[in-house]
PDB file of N, CA and C in Angstrom:
ATOM      1  N   MET A   1      17.666  -5.706 -28.107  1.00  0.00           N
ATOM      2  CA  MET A   1      16.595  -6.008 -27.193  1.00  0.00           C
ATOM      3  C   MET A   1      15.655  -7.013 -27.867  1.00  0.00           C
ATOM      4  N   PRO A   2      15.335  -8.120 -27.182  1.00  0.00           N
ATOM      5  CA  PRO A   2      14.471  -9.133 -27.798  1.00  0.00           C
ATOM      6  C   PRO A   2      13.010  -8.679 -27.876  1.00  0.00           C
ATOM      7  N   VAL A   3      12.338  -9.175 -28.887  1.00  0.00           N
ATOM      8  CA  VAL A   3      10.908  -8.910 -29.056  1.00  0.00           C
ATOM      9  C   VAL A   3      10.145  -9.981 -28.283  1.00  0.00           C
ATOM     10  N   VAL A   4       9.101  -9.585 -27.553  1.00  0.00           N
ATOM     11  CA  VAL A   4       8.315 -10.528 -26.770  1.00  0.00           C
ATOM     12  C   VAL A   4       6.937 -10.680 -27.407  1.00  0.00           C
ATOM     13  N   ALA A   5       6.543 -11.916 -27.662  1.00  0.00           N
ATOM     14  CA  ALA A   5       5.222 -12.222 -28.209  1.00  0.00           C
ATOM     15  C   ALA A   5       4.314 -12.667 -27.071  1.00  0.00           C
ATOM     16  N   THR A   6       3.103 -12.122 -27.021  1.00  0.00           N
ATOM     17  CA  THR A   6       2.135 -12.477 -25.993  1.00  0.00           C
ATOM     18  C   THR A   6       0.938 -13.145 -26.640  1.00  0.00           C
ATOM     19  N   LEU A   7       0.529 -14.272 -26.069  1.00  0.00           N
ATOM     20  CA  LEU A   7      -0.589 -15.049 -26.555  1.00  0.00           C
ATOM     21  C   LEU A   7      -1.569 -15.227 -25.401  1.00  0.00           C
ATOM     22  N   THR A   8      -2.850 -14.955 -25.637  1.00  0.00           N
ATOM     23  CA  THR A   8      -3.866 -15.081 -24.599  1.00  0.00           C
ATOM     24  C   THR A   8      -4.871 -16.142 -25.007  1.00  0.00           C
ATOM     25  N   CYS A   9      -5.206 -17.033 -24.073  1.00  0.00           N
ATOM     26  CA  CYS A   9      -6.188 -18.085 -24.297  1.00  0.00           C
ATOM     27  C   CYS A   9      -7.374 -17.845 -23.367  1.00  0.00           C
ATOM     28  N   ARG A  10      -8.573 -17.864 -23.930  1.00  0.00           N
ATOM     29  CA  ARG A  10      -9.824 -17.731 -23.158  1.00  0.00           C
ATOM     30  C   ARG A  10     -10.853 -18.682 -23.746  1.00  0.00           C
ATOM     31  N   TRP A  11     -11.798 -19.097 -22.908  1.00  0.00           N
ATOM     32  CA  TRP A  11     -12.873 -19.971 -23.373  1.00  0.00           C
ATOM     33  C   TRP A  11     -13.761 -19.244 -24.381  1.00  0.00           C
ATOM     34  N   VAL A  12     -14.246 -19.981 -25.377  1.00  0.00           N
ATOM     35  CA  VAL A  12     -15.265 -19.469 -26.280  1.00  0.00           C
ATOM     36  C   VAL A  12     -16.588 -19.588 -25.519  1.00  0.00           C
ATOM     37  N   PRO A  13     -17.339 -18.509 -25.366  1.00  0.00           N
ATOM     38  CA  PRO A  13     -18.587 -18.565 -24.604  1.00  0.00           C
ATOM     39  C   PRO A  13     -19.559 -19.623 -25.150  1.00  0.00           C
ATOM     40  N   GLY A  14     -20.148 -20.379 -24.230  1.00  0.00           N
ATOM     41  CA  GLY A  14     -21.127 -21.383 -24.605  1.00  0.00           C
ATOM     42  C   GLY A  14     -20.546 -22.720 -25.022  1.00  0.00           C
ATOM     43  N   THR A  15     -19.224 -22.887 -24.900  1.00  0.00           N
ATOM     44  CA  THR A  15     -18.598 -24.160 -25.265  1.00  0.00           C
ATOM     45  C   THR A  15     -17.886 -24.748 -24.058  1.00  0.00           C
ATOM     46  N   LEU A  16     -17.629 -26.028 -24.137  1.00  0.00           N
ATOM     47  CA  LEU A  16     -16.892 -26.711 -23.071  1.00  0.00           C
ATOM     48  C   LEU A  16     -15.508 -27.158 -23.515  1.00  0.00           C
ATOM     49  N   ASP A  17     -15.230 -27.058 -24.826  1.00  0.00           N
ATOM     50  CA  ASP A  17     -13.955 -27.577 -25.316  1.00  0.00           C
ATOM     51  C   ASP A  17     -13.270 -26.681 -26.352  1.00  0.00           C
ATOM     52  N   ARG A  18     -13.742 -25.458 -26.528  1.00  0.00           N
ATOM     53  CA  ARG A  18     -13.137 -24.544 -27.504  1.00  0.00           C
ATOM     54  C   ARG A  18     -12.511 -23.352 -26.797  1.00  0.00           C
ATOM     55  N   VAL A  19     -11.318 -22.990 -27.261  1.00  0.00           N
ATOM     56  CA  VAL A  19     -10.546 -21.902 -26.646  1.00  0.00           C
ATOM     57  C   VAL A  19     -10.174 -20.901 -27.729  1.00  0.00           C
ATOM     58  N   ARG A  20     -10.387 -19.627 -27.441  1.00  0.00           N
ATOM     59  CA  ARG A  20     -10.022 -18.547 -28.365  1.00  0.00           C
ATOM     60  C   ARG A  20      -8.582 -18.132 -28.061  1.00  0.00           C
ATOM     61  N   ILE A  21      -7.739 -18.199 -29.076  1.00  0.00           N
ATOM     62  CA  ILE A  21      -6.328 -17.821 -28.971  1.00  0.00           C
ATOM     63  C   ILE A  21      -6.190 -16.463 -29.632  1.00  0.00           C
ATOM     64  N   THR A  22      -5.671 -15.480 -28.904  1.00  0.00           N
ATOM     65  CA  THR A  22      -5.484 -14.157 -29.492  1.00  0.00           C
ATOM     66  C   THR A  22      -4.055 -13.679 -29.296  1.00  0.00           C
ATOM     67  N   THR A  23      -3.569 -13.009 -30.326  1.00  0.00           N
ATOM     68  CA  THR A  23      -2.293 -12.301 -30.275  1.00  0.00           C
ATOM     69  C   THR A  23      -2.617 -10.869 -30.708  1.00  0.00           C
ATOM     70  N   PRO A  24      -1.667  -9.962 -30.631  1.00  0.00           N
ATOM     71  CA  PRO A  24      -1.980  -8.598 -31.071  1.00  0.00           C
ATOM     72  C   PRO A  24      -2.432  -8.496 -32.531  1.00  0.00           C
ATOM     73  N   HIS A  25      -2.081  -9.493 -33.356  1.00  0.00           N
ATOM     74  CA  HIS A  25      -2.382  -9.383 -34.784  1.00  0.00           C
ATOM     75  C   HIS A  25      -3.220 -10.519 -35.346  1.00  0.00           C
ATOM     76  N   HIS A  26      -3.619 -11.483 -34.510  1.00  0.00           N
ATOM     77  CA  HIS A  26      -4.284 -12.673 -35.035  1.00  0.00           C
ATOM     78  C   HIS A  26      -5.203 -13.284 -33.978  1.00  0.00           C
ATOM     79  N   GLU A  27      -6.213 -14.030 -34.444  1.00  0.00           N
ATOM     80  CA  GLU A  27      -7.129 -14.725 -33.547  1.00  0.00           C
ATOM     81  C   GLU A  27      -7.535 -16.058 -34.172  1.00  0.00           C
ATOM     82  N   GLU A  28      -7.540 -17.119 -33.352  1.00  0.00           N
ATOM     83  CA  GLU A  28      -7.929 -18.446 -33.806  1.00  0.00           C
ATOM     84  C   GLU A  28      -8.738 -19.126 -32.713  1.00  0.00           C
ATOM     85  N   ILE A  29      -9.416 -20.218 -33.076  1.00  0.00           N
ATOM     86  CA  ILE A  29     -10.109 -21.042 -32.095  1.00  0.00           C
ATOM     87  C   ILE A  29      -9.518 -22.442 -32.167  1.00  0.00           C
ATOM     88  N   TRP A  30      -9.077 -22.949 -30.998  1.00  0.00           N
ATOM     89  CA  TRP A  30      -8.480 -24.278 -30.889  1.00  0.00           C
ATOM     90  C   TRP A  30      -9.314 -25.118 -29.943  1.00  0.00           C
ATOM     91  N   SER A  31      -9.141 -26.420 -30.014  1.00  0.00           N
ATOM     92  CA  SER A  31      -9.766 -27.313 -29.036  1.00  0.00           C
ATOM     93  C   SER A  31      -8.895 -27.351 -27.779  1.00  0.00           C
ATOM     94  N   ILE A  32      -9.494 -27.764 -26.678  1.00  0.00           N
ATOM     95  CA  ILE A  32      -8.736 -27.855 -25.429  1.00  0.00           C
ATOM     96  C   ILE A  32      -7.629 -28.914 -25.548  1.00  0.00           C
ATOM     97  N   GLN A  33      -7.836 -29.929 -26.374  1.00  0.00           N
ATOM     98  CA  GLN A  33      -6.798 -30.940 -26.594  1.00  0.00           C
ATOM     99  C   GLN A  33      -5.580 -30.327 -27.278  1.00  0.00           C
ATOM    100  N   ASP A  34      -5.812 -29.418 -28.221  1.00  0.00           N
ATOM    101  CA  ASP A  34      -4.696 -28.733 -28.882  1.00  0.00           C
ATOM    102  C   ASP A  34      -3.913 -27.876 -27.895  1.00  0.00           C
ATOM    103  N   ILE A  35      -4.627 -27.213 -26.990  1.00  0.00           N
ATOM    104  CA  ILE A  35      -3.975 -26.396 -25.971  1.00  0.00           C
ATOM    105  C   ILE A  35      -3.113 -27.274 -25.076  1.00  0.00           C
ATOM    106  N   ALA A  36      -3.664 -28.411 -24.661  1.00  0.00           N
ATOM    107  CA  ALA A  36      -2.926 -29.329 -23.787  1.00  0.00           C
ATOM    108  C   ALA A  36      -1.658 -29.840 -24.465  1.00  0.00           C
ATOM    109  N   ARG A  37      -1.754 -30.179 -25.750  1.00  0.00           N
ATOM    110  CA  ARG A  37      -0.578 -30.663 -26.474  1.00  0.00           C
ATOM    111  C   ARG A  37       0.478 -29.582 -26.642  1.00  0.00           C
ATOM    112  N   ARG A  38       0.050 -28.363 -26.941  1.00  0.00           N
ATOM    113  CA  ARG A  38       1.001 -27.282 -27.239  1.00  0.00           C
ATOM    114  C   ARG A  38       1.584 -26.625 -25.988  1.00  0.00           C
ATOM    115  N   PHE A  39       0.732 -26.374 -24.972  1.00  0.00           N
ATOM    116  CA  PHE A  39       1.169 -25.605 -23.807  1.00  0.00           C
ATOM    117  C   PHE A  39       1.247 -26.414 -22.521  1.00  0.00           C
ATOM    118  N   GLY A  40       0.677 -27.610 -22.497  1.00  0.00           N
ATOM    119  CA  GLY A  40       0.814 -28.483 -21.340  1.00  0.00           C
ATOM    120  C   GLY A  40      -0.271 -28.321 -20.284  1.00  0.00           C
ATOM    121  N   ARG A  41      -0.084 -29.061 -19.210  1.00  0.00           N
ATOM    122  CA  ARG A  41      -1.051 -29.135 -18.124  1.00  0.00           C
ATOM    123  C   ARG A  41      -1.272 -27.800 -17.430  1.00  0.00           C
ATOM    124  N   ASP A  42      -0.236 -26.997 -17.282  1.00  0.00           N
ATOM    125  CA  ASP A  42      -0.379 -25.698 -16.612  1.00  0.00           C
ATOM    126  C   ASP A  42      -1.370 -24.791 -17.333  1.00  0.00           C
ATOM    127  N   ALA A  43      -1.357 -24.810 -18.652  1.00  0.00           N
ATOM    128  CA  ALA A  43      -2.289 -23.984 -19.420  1.00  0.00           C
ATOM    129  C   ALA A  43      -3.721 -24.461 -19.232  1.00  0.00           C
ATOM    130  N   VAL A  44      -3.929 -25.766 -19.269  1.00  0.00           N
ATOM    131  CA  VAL A  44      -5.277 -26.315 -19.090  1.00  0.00           C
ATOM    132  C   VAL A  44      -5.790 -26.012 -17.685  1.00  0.00           C
ATOM    133  N   ASN A  45      -4.941 -26.186 -16.686  1.00  0.00           N
ATOM    134  CA  ASN A  45      -5.336 -25.878 -15.309  1.00  0.00           C
ATOM    135  C   ASN A  45      -5.704 -24.405 -15.158  1.00  0.00           C
ATOM    136  N   ALA A  46      -4.918 -23.519 -15.750  1.00  0.00           N
ATOM    137  CA  ALA A  46      -5.208 -22.088 -15.651  1.00  0.00           C
ATOM    138  C   ALA A  46      -6.542 -21.754 -16.320  1.00  0.00           C
ATOM    139  N   LEU A  47      -6.826 -22.389 -17.444  1.00  0.00           N
ATOM    140  CA  LEU A  47      -8.101 -22.138 -18.114  1.00  0.00           C
ATOM    141  C   LEU A  47      -9.275 -22.584 -17.248  1.00  0.00           C
ATOM    142  N   TYR A  48      -9.185 -23.770 -16.669  1.00  0.00           N
ATOM    143  CA  TYR A  48     -10.283 -24.263 -15.848  1.00  0.00           C
ATOM    144  C   TYR A  48     -10.429 -23.479 -14.546  1.00  0.00           C
ATOM    145  N   LEU A  49      -9.318 -23.079 -13.943  1.00  0.00           N
ATOM    146  CA  LEU A  49      -9.381 -22.402 -12.648  1.00  0.00           C
ATOM    147  C   LEU A  49      -9.601 -20.899 -12.751  1.00  0.00           C
ATOM    148  N   HIS A  50      -9.016 -20.257 -13.764  1.00  0.00           N
ATOM    149  CA  HIS A  50      -9.068 -18.794 -13.860  1.00  0.00           C
ATOM    150  C   HIS A  50      -9.788 -18.284 -15.108  1.00  0.00           C
ATOM    151  N   GLY A  51     -10.028 -19.159 -16.073  1.00  0.00           N
ATOM    152  CA  GLY A  51     -10.731 -18.747 -17.281  1.00  0.00           C
ATOM    153  C   GLY A  51      -9.840 -18.166 -18.357  1.00  0.00           C
ATOM    154  N   LYS A  52      -8.533 -18.064 -18.089  1.00  0.00           N
ATOM    155  CA  LYS A  52      -7.620 -17.567 -19.118  1.00  0.00           C
ATOM    156  C   LYS A  52      -6.208 -18.062 -18.845  1.00  0.00           C
ATOM    157  N   TYR A  53      -5.397 -18.034 -19.886  1.00  0.00           N
ATOM    158  CA  TYR A  53      -3.984 -18.393 -19.800  1.00  0.00           C
ATOM    159  C   TYR A  53      -3.226 -17.422 -20.695  1.00  0.00           C
ATOM    160  N   ILE A  54      -2.156 -16.855 -20.178  1.00  0.00           N
ATOM    161  CA  ILE A  54      -1.338 -15.913 -20.943  1.00  0.00           C
ATOM    162  C   ILE A  54       0.073 -16.477 -21.055  1.00  0.00           C
ATOM    163  N   ALA A  55       0.542 -16.610 -22.276  1.00  0.00           N
ATOM    164  CA  ALA A  55       1.894 -17.107 -22.535  1.00  0.00           C
ATOM    165  C   ALA A  55       2.707 -15.998 -23.186  1.00  0.00           C
ATOM    166  N   THR A  56       3.934 -15.844 -22.760  1.00  0.00           N
ATOM    167  CA  THR A  56       4.860 -14.895 -23.390  1.00  0.00           C
ATOM    168  C   THR A  56       6.112 -15.651 -23.812  1.00  0.00           C
ATOM    169  N   GLN A  57       6.684 -15.220 -24.921  1.00  0.00           N
ATOM    170  CA  GLN A  57       7.876 -15.868 -25.445  1.00  0.00           C
ATOM    171  C   GLN A  57       8.747 -14.828 -26.123  1.00  0.00           C
ATOM    172  N   ALA A  58      10.023 -14.854 -25.805  1.00  0.00           N
ATOM    173  CA  ALA A  58      10.970 -13.962 -26.475  1.00  0.00           C
ATOM    174  C   ALA A  58      11.280 -14.528 -27.849  1.00  0.00           C
ATOM    175  N   LEU A  59      11.251 -13.655 -28.849  1.00  0.00           N
ATOM    176  CA  LEU A  59      11.536 -14.085 -30.226  1.00  0.00           C
ATOM    177  C   LEU A  59      12.931 -13.691 -30.623  1.00  0.00           C
TER     178      LEU A  59
END
């Protein structure tokens, strides 16, 4: 059975270009440009429209 990794992106409060990336074991802050490069337009649209983006990937 494959292991699934879940990554959640949310805005850092009080910023316009910083996104908090969280996994079950780690947390980082990236710029919105980094999110766009790594996850594409769908992730950026979800952040602006819904305030969060959730990515899952089988490992």
